[in-house]
């Protein structure tokens, strides 16, 4: 396995995708949905906390507020919502609403990756490939890129193809 090529590929930028759940789209978030998300989030509903976090992150139906988004992602992430863990990792990696902290970014990205979140698996591979918040480990990077690629996550497939590796 030619893992040395992994670091020579253009993977230096951490993907910070925000995964949008079915039925939630920027142009279709209604005032009624925001009210419902807020009410359910206040009662501790993790999915509503995550959805409301997305709204604050993107300014969908509410004023954009990265700090509030990160707080809501944290609440949902603590309850095991993989998309929230993934997005909280992106918040820490990019300093969105929290202090930039690659160790915290690694922690939350790993949790989502271990649950099978393909975007997080790809990002976790990037963490290992680049030594972001973890000890650089090319073999681990390839392992996680392969997990994401097997779920048809195209960026991971592209990285592996460019490195001459299979999944």
N, C-alpha and C. Protein backbone atom coordinates (compact mmCIF):
# COMPACT_ATOMS: atom_id res chain seq x y z
N UNK A 1 0.85 -1.18 0.00
CA UNK A 1 0.00 0.00 0.00
C UNK A 1 0.89 1.24 0.00
N UNK A 2 0.64 2.14 -0.93
CA UNK A 2 1.44 3.35 -1.06
C UNK A 2 0.82 4.50 -0.29
N UNK A 3 1.02 4.50 1.01
CA UNK A 3 0.40 5.53 1.85
C UNK A 3 1.15 6.85 1.80
N UNK A 4 2.38 6.87 1.30
CA UNK A 4 3.14 8.12 1.24
C UNK A 4 2.48 9.12 0.30
N UNK A 5 1.79 8.63 -0.73
CA UNK A 5 1.14 9.53 -1.67
C UNK A 5 -0.01 10.29 -1.02
N UNK A 6 -0.57 9.75 0.05
CA UNK A 6 -1.72 10.39 0.69
C UNK A 6 -1.41 11.84 1.05
N UNK A 7 -0.23 12.10 1.57
CA UNK A 7 0.09 13.45 2.00
C UNK A 7 0.37 14.38 0.84
N UNK A 8 0.66 13.83 -0.35
CA UNK A 8 0.97 14.69 -1.48
C UNK A 8 -0.28 15.10 -2.25
N UNK A 9 -1.42 14.61 -1.84
CA UNK A 9 -2.67 14.93 -2.54
C UNK A 9 -3.25 16.21 -1.94
N UNK A 10 -4.06 16.84 -2.70
CA UNK A 10 -4.67 18.10 -2.24
C UNK A 10 -5.80 17.83 -1.26
N UNK A 11 -5.41 17.53 -0.01
CA UNK A 11 -6.41 17.30 1.04
C UNK A 11 -6.16 18.19 2.24
N UNK A 12 -5.48 19.30 2.03
CA UNK A 12 -5.09 20.13 3.16
C UNK A 12 -6.25 20.90 3.78
N UNK A 13 -7.32 21.08 3.06
CA UNK A 13 -8.43 21.86 3.59
C UNK A 13 -9.44 20.93 4.24
N UNK A 14 -9.72 21.17 5.50
CA UNK A 14 -10.70 20.37 6.22
C UNK A 14 -12.08 20.63 5.66
N UNK A 15 -12.74 19.57 5.23
CA UNK A 15 -14.12 19.73 4.75
C UNK A 15 -14.98 20.07 5.94
N UNK A 16 -15.79 21.06 5.79
CA UNK A 16 -16.68 21.48 6.86
C UNK A 16 -18.11 21.48 6.34
N UNK A 17 -18.51 20.34 5.82
CA UNK A 17 -19.87 20.22 5.30
C UNK A 17 -20.86 20.24 6.45
N UNK A 18 -21.97 20.82 6.23
CA UNK A 18 -23.05 20.78 7.19
C UNK A 18 -24.11 19.86 6.61
N UNK A 19 -24.30 18.76 7.24
CA UNK A 19 -25.23 17.76 6.74
C UNK A 19 -26.65 18.21 7.04
N UNK A 20 -27.47 18.33 6.01
CA UNK A 20 -28.84 18.80 6.15
C UNK A 20 -29.77 17.60 6.18
N UNK A 21 -30.57 17.46 7.25
CA UNK A 21 -31.47 16.33 7.33
C UNK A 21 -32.61 16.44 6.33
N UNK A 22 -33.20 15.31 6.00
CA UNK A 22 -34.32 15.30 5.08
C UNK A 22 -35.40 16.25 5.57
N UNK A 23 -35.95 17.03 4.64
CA UNK A 23 -37.03 17.93 4.99
C UNK A 23 -36.60 19.30 5.48
N UNK A 24 -35.31 19.52 5.66
CA UNK A 24 -34.83 20.83 6.11
C UNK A 24 -33.95 21.41 5.02
N UNK A 25 -34.43 22.46 4.38
CA UNK A 25 -33.67 23.14 3.34
C UNK A 25 -33.74 24.64 3.58
N UNK A 26 -32.67 25.33 3.24
CA UNK A 26 -32.53 26.75 3.54
C UNK A 26 -33.74 27.56 3.11
N UNK A 27 -34.18 27.36 1.89
CA UNK A 27 -35.26 28.19 1.38
C UNK A 27 -36.63 27.78 1.91
N UNK A 28 -36.69 26.70 2.65
CA UNK A 28 -37.99 26.21 3.11
C UNK A 28 -38.15 26.17 4.62
N UNK A 29 -37.21 26.70 5.37
CA UNK A 29 -37.36 26.74 6.82
C UNK A 29 -38.38 27.82 7.15
N UNK A 30 -39.44 27.40 7.80
CA UNK A 30 -40.52 28.33 8.10
C UNK A 30 -40.43 28.84 9.53
N UNK A 31 -41.14 29.92 9.79
CA UNK A 31 -41.21 30.45 11.15
C UNK A 31 -41.80 29.40 12.08
N UNK A 32 -42.77 28.65 11.58
CA UNK A 32 -43.37 27.58 12.39
C UNK A 32 -42.37 26.50 12.76
N UNK A 33 -41.50 26.14 11.83
CA UNK A 33 -40.46 25.15 12.13
C UNK A 33 -39.50 25.68 13.19
N UNK A 34 -39.10 26.93 13.06
CA UNK A 34 -38.18 27.52 14.04
C UNK A 34 -38.81 27.48 15.42
N UNK A 35 -40.07 27.86 15.51
CA UNK A 35 -40.78 27.84 16.80
C UNK A 35 -40.80 26.42 17.36
N UNK A 36 -41.11 25.45 16.50
CA UNK A 36 -41.16 24.05 16.95
C UNK A 36 -39.78 23.56 17.37
N UNK A 37 -38.75 23.87 16.57
CA UNK A 37 -37.38 23.46 16.93
C UNK A 37 -36.99 24.04 18.29
N UNK A 38 -37.30 25.33 18.49
CA UNK A 38 -36.93 25.99 19.76
C UNK A 38 -37.66 25.33 20.94
N UNK A 39 -38.94 25.06 20.78
CA UNK A 39 -39.71 24.45 21.87
C UNK A 39 -39.19 23.05 22.19
N UNK A 40 -38.98 22.25 21.16
CA UNK A 40 -38.50 20.88 21.38
C UNK A 40 -37.06 20.87 21.88
N UNK A 41 -36.23 21.77 21.35
CA UNK A 41 -34.83 21.85 21.79
C UNK A 41 -34.75 22.19 23.27
N UNK A 42 -35.62 23.11 23.69
CA UNK A 42 -35.65 23.52 25.10
C UNK A 42 -36.02 22.34 26.00
N UNK A 43 -36.83 21.42 25.47
CA UNK A 43 -37.23 20.22 26.23
C UNK A 43 -36.18 19.12 26.16
N UNK A 44 -35.10 19.37 25.39
CA UNK A 44 -34.02 18.40 25.33
C UNK A 44 -34.03 17.47 24.13
N UNK A 45 -34.89 17.73 23.15
CA UNK A 45 -34.94 16.88 21.96
C UNK A 45 -33.68 17.09 21.12
N UNK A 46 -32.88 16.05 20.99
CA UNK A 46 -31.57 16.15 20.34
C UNK A 46 -31.68 16.50 18.86
N UNK A 47 -32.63 15.92 18.16
CA UNK A 47 -32.77 16.21 16.73
C UNK A 47 -33.15 17.67 16.52
N UNK A 48 -34.05 18.18 17.36
CA UNK A 48 -34.42 19.60 17.26
C UNK A 48 -33.24 20.50 17.63
N UNK A 49 -32.44 20.10 18.60
CA UNK A 49 -31.25 20.88 18.94
C UNK A 49 -30.30 20.94 17.74
N UNK A 50 -30.12 19.80 17.09
CA UNK A 50 -29.27 19.76 15.90
C UNK A 50 -29.84 20.63 14.78
N UNK A 51 -31.13 20.45 14.48
CA UNK A 51 -31.76 21.23 13.41
C UNK A 51 -31.70 22.72 13.69
N UNK A 52 -31.96 23.12 14.92
CA UNK A 52 -31.89 24.52 15.29
C UNK A 52 -30.45 25.03 15.17
N UNK A 53 -29.50 24.18 15.54
CA UNK A 53 -28.08 24.54 15.37
C UNK A 53 -27.75 24.82 13.91
N UNK A 54 -28.27 24.00 13.00
CA UNK A 54 -28.06 24.24 11.57
C UNK A 54 -28.66 25.59 11.15
N UNK A 55 -29.84 25.87 11.66
CA UNK A 55 -30.49 27.14 11.33
C UNK A 55 -29.63 28.31 11.78
N UNK A 56 -29.10 28.26 13.00
CA UNK A 56 -28.24 29.34 13.49
C UNK A 56 -26.91 29.40 12.72
N UNK A 57 -26.36 28.25 12.39
CA UNK A 57 -25.10 28.23 11.66
C UNK A 57 -25.24 28.90 10.30
N UNK A 58 -26.37 28.66 9.64
CA UNK A 58 -26.57 29.13 8.27
C UNK A 58 -27.45 30.37 8.14
N UNK A 59 -28.06 30.80 9.25
CA UNK A 59 -28.95 31.95 9.17
C UNK A 59 -30.28 31.62 8.50
N UNK A 60 -30.75 30.40 8.69
CA UNK A 60 -32.01 29.96 8.08
C UNK A 60 -33.16 30.28 9.04
N UNK A 61 -33.92 31.30 8.76
CA UNK A 61 -35.08 31.64 9.58
C UNK A 61 -34.75 32.32 10.89
N UNK A 62 -33.49 32.48 11.19
CA UNK A 62 -33.00 33.15 12.40
C UNK A 62 -31.75 33.94 12.02
N UNK A 63 -31.37 34.87 12.87
CA UNK A 63 -30.11 35.59 12.63
C UNK A 63 -28.95 34.60 12.78
N UNK A 64 -28.00 34.67 11.89
CA UNK A 64 -26.83 33.80 11.95
C UNK A 64 -26.10 34.02 13.28
N UNK A 65 -25.83 32.93 14.00
CA UNK A 65 -25.19 33.02 15.31
C UNK A 65 -24.37 31.75 15.53
N UNK A 66 -23.10 31.83 15.21
CA UNK A 66 -22.21 30.66 15.30
C UNK A 66 -22.07 30.16 16.73
N UNK A 67 -22.08 31.06 17.69
CA UNK A 67 -21.94 30.65 19.09
C UNK A 67 -23.15 29.81 19.51
N UNK A 68 -24.33 30.27 19.15
CA UNK A 68 -25.54 29.51 19.48
C UNK A 68 -25.57 28.18 18.74
N UNK A 69 -25.12 28.18 17.49
CA UNK A 69 -25.06 26.94 16.71
C UNK A 69 -24.16 25.92 17.41
N UNK A 70 -22.98 26.36 17.81
CA UNK A 70 -22.04 25.44 18.47
C UNK A 70 -22.62 24.91 19.78
N UNK A 71 -23.30 25.77 20.55
CA UNK A 71 -23.92 25.32 21.81
C UNK A 71 -24.97 24.24 21.55
N UNK A 72 -25.79 24.48 20.53
CA UNK A 72 -26.83 23.50 20.21
C UNK A 72 -26.25 22.21 19.65
N UNK A 73 -25.22 22.31 18.81
CA UNK A 73 -24.56 21.10 18.31
C UNK A 73 -23.99 20.31 19.48
N UNK A 74 -23.41 21.01 20.46
CA UNK A 74 -22.83 20.34 21.62
C UNK A 74 -23.89 19.55 22.39
N UNK A 75 -25.05 20.17 22.59
CA UNK A 75 -26.13 19.47 23.31
C UNK A 75 -26.54 18.21 22.57
N UNK A 76 -26.72 18.31 21.26
CA UNK A 76 -27.13 17.15 20.46
C UNK A 76 -25.99 16.14 20.35
N UNK A 77 -24.76 16.62 20.24
CA UNK A 77 -23.60 15.73 20.13
C UNK A 77 -23.43 14.91 21.40
N UNK A 78 -23.66 15.55 22.54
CA UNK A 78 -23.56 14.84 23.83
C UNK A 78 -24.58 13.71 23.92
N UNK A 79 -25.66 13.82 23.14
CA UNK A 79 -26.70 12.79 23.12
C UNK A 79 -26.49 11.77 22.01
N UNK A 80 -25.34 11.87 21.32
CA UNK A 80 -24.98 10.85 20.34
C UNK A 80 -25.43 11.10 18.91
N UNK A 81 -25.91 12.28 18.58
CA UNK A 81 -26.33 12.57 17.20
C UNK A 81 -25.07 12.76 16.35
N UNK A 82 -24.83 11.84 15.42
CA UNK A 82 -23.58 11.87 14.66
C UNK A 82 -23.42 13.13 13.82
N UNK A 83 -24.50 13.63 13.22
CA UNK A 83 -24.39 14.86 12.43
C UNK A 83 -23.98 16.04 13.32
N UNK A 84 -24.49 16.07 14.54
CA UNK A 84 -24.13 17.13 15.47
C UNK A 84 -22.66 17.00 15.88
N UNK A 85 -22.20 15.78 16.11
CA UNK A 85 -20.80 15.56 16.44
C UNK A 85 -19.90 16.03 15.29
N UNK A 86 -20.31 15.67 14.07
CA UNK A 86 -19.57 16.07 12.88
C UNK A 86 -19.50 17.59 12.77
N UNK A 87 -20.63 18.26 12.93
CA UNK A 87 -20.67 19.71 12.81
C UNK A 87 -19.96 20.40 13.97
N UNK A 88 -20.03 19.83 15.17
CA UNK A 88 -19.30 20.39 16.30
C UNK A 88 -17.80 20.28 16.04
N UNK A 89 -17.37 19.16 15.47
CA UNK A 89 -15.96 19.02 15.08
C UNK A 89 -15.54 20.10 14.10
N UNK A 90 -16.42 20.39 13.13
CA UNK A 90 -16.13 21.44 12.15
C UNK A 90 -16.08 22.81 12.83
N UNK A 91 -16.96 23.03 13.81
CA UNK A 91 -16.93 24.30 14.55
C UNK A 91 -15.58 24.49 15.24
N UNK A 92 -15.11 23.45 15.92
CA UNK A 92 -13.81 23.55 16.60
C UNK A 92 -12.65 23.67 15.61
N UNK A 93 -12.73 22.97 14.50
CA UNK A 93 -11.65 23.02 13.51
C UNK A 93 -11.53 24.39 12.86
N UNK A 94 -12.66 25.08 12.73
CA UNK A 94 -12.69 26.36 12.03
C UNK A 94 -12.86 27.57 12.93
N UNK A 95 -13.07 27.35 14.22
CA UNK A 95 -13.29 28.46 15.15
C UNK A 95 -14.64 29.12 14.97
N UNK A 96 -15.65 28.34 14.62
CA UNK A 96 -17.00 28.86 14.42
C UNK A 96 -17.76 28.82 15.73
N UNK A 97 -17.87 29.95 16.39
CA UNK A 97 -18.64 30.04 17.63
C UNK A 97 -17.94 29.50 18.85
N UNK A 98 -16.76 28.96 18.67
CA UNK A 98 -15.91 28.44 19.76
C UNK A 98 -14.47 28.78 19.40
N UNK A 99 -13.60 28.72 20.38
CA UNK A 99 -12.18 28.91 20.08
C UNK A 99 -11.69 27.75 19.22
N UNK A 100 -10.89 28.06 18.21
CA UNK A 100 -10.33 27.00 17.37
C UNK A 100 -9.50 26.07 18.24
N UNK A 101 -9.78 24.76 18.14
CA UNK A 101 -9.12 23.78 18.99
C UNK A 101 -9.11 22.44 18.25
N UNK A 102 -7.97 22.10 17.67
CA UNK A 102 -7.91 20.90 16.85
C UNK A 102 -8.02 19.61 17.68
N UNK A 103 -7.68 19.68 18.95
CA UNK A 103 -7.85 18.50 19.81
C UNK A 103 -9.34 18.23 20.02
N UNK A 104 -10.11 19.28 20.29
CA UNK A 104 -11.57 19.12 20.43
C UNK A 104 -12.19 18.74 19.08
N UNK A 105 -11.70 19.34 18.01
CA UNK A 105 -12.20 19.00 16.68
C UNK A 105 -11.99 17.51 16.41
N UNK A 106 -10.81 17.02 16.77
CA UNK A 106 -10.50 15.60 16.57
C UNK A 106 -11.43 14.72 17.40
N UNK A 107 -11.66 15.10 18.63
CA UNK A 107 -12.52 14.32 19.53
C UNK A 107 -13.92 14.13 18.93
N UNK A 108 -14.52 15.22 18.48
CA UNK A 108 -15.90 15.14 17.98
C UNK A 108 -15.97 14.52 16.60
N UNK A 109 -14.97 14.78 15.78
CA UNK A 109 -14.94 14.15 14.45
C UNK A 109 -14.81 12.64 14.59
N UNK A 110 -13.95 12.20 15.50
CA UNK A 110 -13.77 10.76 15.74
C UNK A 110 -15.08 10.11 16.18
N UNK A 111 -15.78 10.76 17.09
CA UNK A 111 -17.04 10.18 17.58
C UNK A 111 -18.02 9.97 16.43
N UNK A 112 -18.15 10.96 15.56
CA UNK A 112 -19.06 10.81 14.42
C UNK A 112 -18.55 9.75 13.45
N UNK A 113 -17.24 9.74 13.21
CA UNK A 113 -16.66 8.75 12.30
C UNK A 113 -16.90 7.32 12.80
N UNK A 114 -16.73 7.13 14.10
CA UNK A 114 -16.93 5.79 14.67
C UNK A 114 -18.38 5.34 14.58
N UNK A 115 -19.31 6.29 14.45
CA UNK A 115 -20.72 5.94 14.28
C UNK A 115 -21.06 5.66 12.81
N UNK A 116 -20.08 5.84 11.93
CA UNK A 116 -20.31 5.53 10.52
C UNK A 116 -20.66 6.72 9.65
N UNK A 117 -20.52 7.94 10.15
CA UNK A 117 -20.80 9.15 9.37
C UNK A 117 -19.71 9.30 8.31
N UNK A 118 -20.08 9.19 7.03
CA UNK A 118 -19.08 9.16 5.96
C UNK A 118 -18.27 10.45 5.86
N UNK A 119 -18.90 11.62 6.02
CA UNK A 119 -18.15 12.87 5.99
C UNK A 119 -17.16 12.95 7.13
N UNK A 120 -17.56 12.49 8.29
CA UNK A 120 -16.66 12.48 9.45
C UNK A 120 -15.53 11.47 9.24
N UNK A 121 -15.83 10.33 8.61
CA UNK A 121 -14.78 9.35 8.35
C UNK A 121 -13.72 9.96 7.43
N UNK A 122 -14.17 10.68 6.41
CA UNK A 122 -13.25 11.35 5.50
C UNK A 122 -12.43 12.39 6.27
N UNK A 123 -13.12 13.24 7.06
CA UNK A 123 -12.40 14.25 7.83
C UNK A 123 -11.43 13.62 8.81
N UNK A 124 -11.84 12.51 9.43
CA UNK A 124 -10.96 11.82 10.39
C UNK A 124 -9.71 11.34 9.67
N UNK A 125 -9.88 10.89 8.43
CA UNK A 125 -8.71 10.54 7.61
C UNK A 125 -7.82 11.75 7.39
N UNK A 126 -8.42 12.92 7.15
CA UNK A 126 -7.63 14.15 6.98
C UNK A 126 -6.87 14.50 8.25
N UNK A 127 -7.52 14.31 9.40
CA UNK A 127 -6.85 14.58 10.67
C UNK A 127 -5.58 13.73 10.77
N UNK A 128 -5.70 12.44 10.47
CA UNK A 128 -4.53 11.56 10.52
C UNK A 128 -3.51 11.90 9.44
N UNK A 129 -3.97 12.21 8.24
CA UNK A 129 -3.05 12.52 7.14
C UNK A 129 -2.21 13.76 7.44
N UNK A 130 -2.84 14.73 8.12
CA UNK A 130 -2.18 16.01 8.36
C UNK A 130 -1.68 16.22 9.78
N UNK A 131 -1.98 15.29 10.68
CA UNK A 131 -1.55 15.43 12.07
C UNK A 131 -2.30 16.54 12.81
N UNK A 132 -3.58 16.71 12.49
CA UNK A 132 -4.40 17.73 13.14
C UNK A 132 -5.01 17.18 14.41
N UNK A 133 -4.50 17.55 15.55
CA UNK A 133 -5.06 17.12 16.82
C UNK A 133 -4.76 15.67 17.18
N UNK A 134 -4.02 14.99 16.32
CA UNK A 134 -3.62 13.60 16.53
C UNK A 134 -2.20 13.43 15.99
N UNK A 135 -1.57 12.35 16.34
CA UNK A 135 -0.26 12.05 15.77
C UNK A 135 -0.47 11.62 14.32
N UNK A 136 0.29 12.21 13.42
CA UNK A 136 0.15 11.87 12.01
C UNK A 136 0.37 10.38 11.80
N UNK A 137 -0.55 9.76 11.04
CA UNK A 137 -0.47 8.32 10.81
C UNK A 137 -1.11 8.03 9.46
N UNK A 138 -0.28 7.80 8.47
CA UNK A 138 -0.77 7.60 7.10
C UNK A 138 -1.63 6.35 6.97
N UNK A 139 -1.26 5.29 7.64
CA UNK A 139 -2.04 4.05 7.54
C UNK A 139 -3.45 4.26 8.11
N UNK A 140 -3.55 4.98 9.21
CA UNK A 140 -4.87 5.28 9.79
C UNK A 140 -5.67 6.18 8.85
N UNK A 141 -4.98 7.14 8.22
CA UNK A 141 -5.66 8.02 7.27
C UNK A 141 -6.30 7.20 6.16
N UNK A 142 -5.53 6.30 5.59
CA UNK A 142 -6.03 5.45 4.50
C UNK A 142 -7.20 4.60 4.98
N UNK A 143 -7.08 4.05 6.17
CA UNK A 143 -8.16 3.22 6.74
C UNK A 143 -9.47 3.99 6.77
N UNK A 144 -9.42 5.25 7.24
CA UNK A 144 -10.64 6.05 7.35
C UNK A 144 -11.12 6.56 6.01
N UNK A 145 -10.21 6.88 5.09
CA UNK A 145 -10.63 7.25 3.75
C UNK A 145 -11.37 6.07 3.10
N UNK A 146 -10.86 4.87 3.33
CA UNK A 146 -11.52 3.68 2.75
C UNK A 146 -12.91 3.47 3.33
N UNK A 147 -13.06 3.68 4.62
CA UNK A 147 -14.40 3.54 5.22
C UNK A 147 -15.38 4.50 4.57
N UNK A 148 -14.95 5.74 4.38
CA UNK A 148 -15.82 6.73 3.74
C UNK A 148 -16.07 6.38 2.28
N UNK A 149 -15.03 5.94 1.59
CA UNK A 149 -15.16 5.59 0.17
C UNK A 149 -16.13 4.44 -0.03
N UNK A 150 -16.11 3.48 0.88
CA UNK A 150 -17.03 2.34 0.78
C UNK A 150 -18.49 2.76 0.92
N UNK A 151 -18.71 3.95 1.49
CA UNK A 151 -20.07 4.50 1.59
C UNK A 151 -20.35 5.47 0.43
N UNK A 152 -19.52 5.36 -0.60
CA UNK A 152 -19.66 6.19 -1.81
C UNK A 152 -19.46 7.68 -1.55
N UNK A 153 -18.61 8.00 -0.58
CA UNK A 153 -18.27 9.40 -0.32
C UNK A 153 -17.19 9.80 -1.32
N UNK A 154 -17.58 10.56 -2.34
CA UNK A 154 -16.72 10.84 -3.47
C UNK A 154 -15.38 11.48 -3.12
N UNK A 155 -15.31 12.48 -2.23
CA UNK A 155 -13.99 13.04 -1.92
C UNK A 155 -13.00 11.98 -1.41
N UNK A 156 -13.49 11.02 -0.64
CA UNK A 156 -12.60 9.95 -0.15
C UNK A 156 -12.17 9.05 -1.30
N UNK A 157 -13.11 8.74 -2.19
CA UNK A 157 -12.76 7.93 -3.35
C UNK A 157 -11.72 8.64 -4.21
N UNK A 158 -11.88 9.96 -4.38
CA UNK A 158 -10.93 10.73 -5.18
C UNK A 158 -9.53 10.73 -4.56
N UNK A 159 -9.46 10.89 -3.24
CA UNK A 159 -8.16 10.88 -2.55
C UNK A 159 -7.48 9.53 -2.77
N UNK A 160 -8.22 8.46 -2.60
CA UNK A 160 -7.64 7.13 -2.77
C UNK A 160 -7.21 6.88 -4.21
N UNK A 161 -8.04 7.29 -5.17
CA UNK A 161 -7.69 7.13 -6.59
C UNK A 161 -6.40 7.86 -6.91
N UNK A 162 -6.30 9.12 -6.45
CA UNK A 162 -5.11 9.93 -6.73
C UNK A 162 -3.86 9.33 -6.10
N UNK A 163 -4.04 8.60 -5.02
CA UNK A 163 -2.90 7.96 -4.36
C UNK A 163 -2.63 6.58 -4.95
N UNK A 164 -3.45 6.14 -5.90
CA UNK A 164 -3.26 4.83 -6.52
C UNK A 164 -3.71 3.70 -5.61
N UNK A 165 -4.65 4.00 -4.72
CA UNK A 165 -5.13 3.00 -3.77
C UNK A 165 -6.56 2.61 -4.08
N UNK A 166 -6.96 1.45 -3.62
CA UNK A 166 -8.32 0.98 -3.83
C UNK A 166 -9.08 1.05 -2.51
N UNK A 167 -10.37 0.80 -2.60
CA UNK A 167 -11.19 0.75 -1.41
C UNK A 167 -12.04 -0.47 -1.48
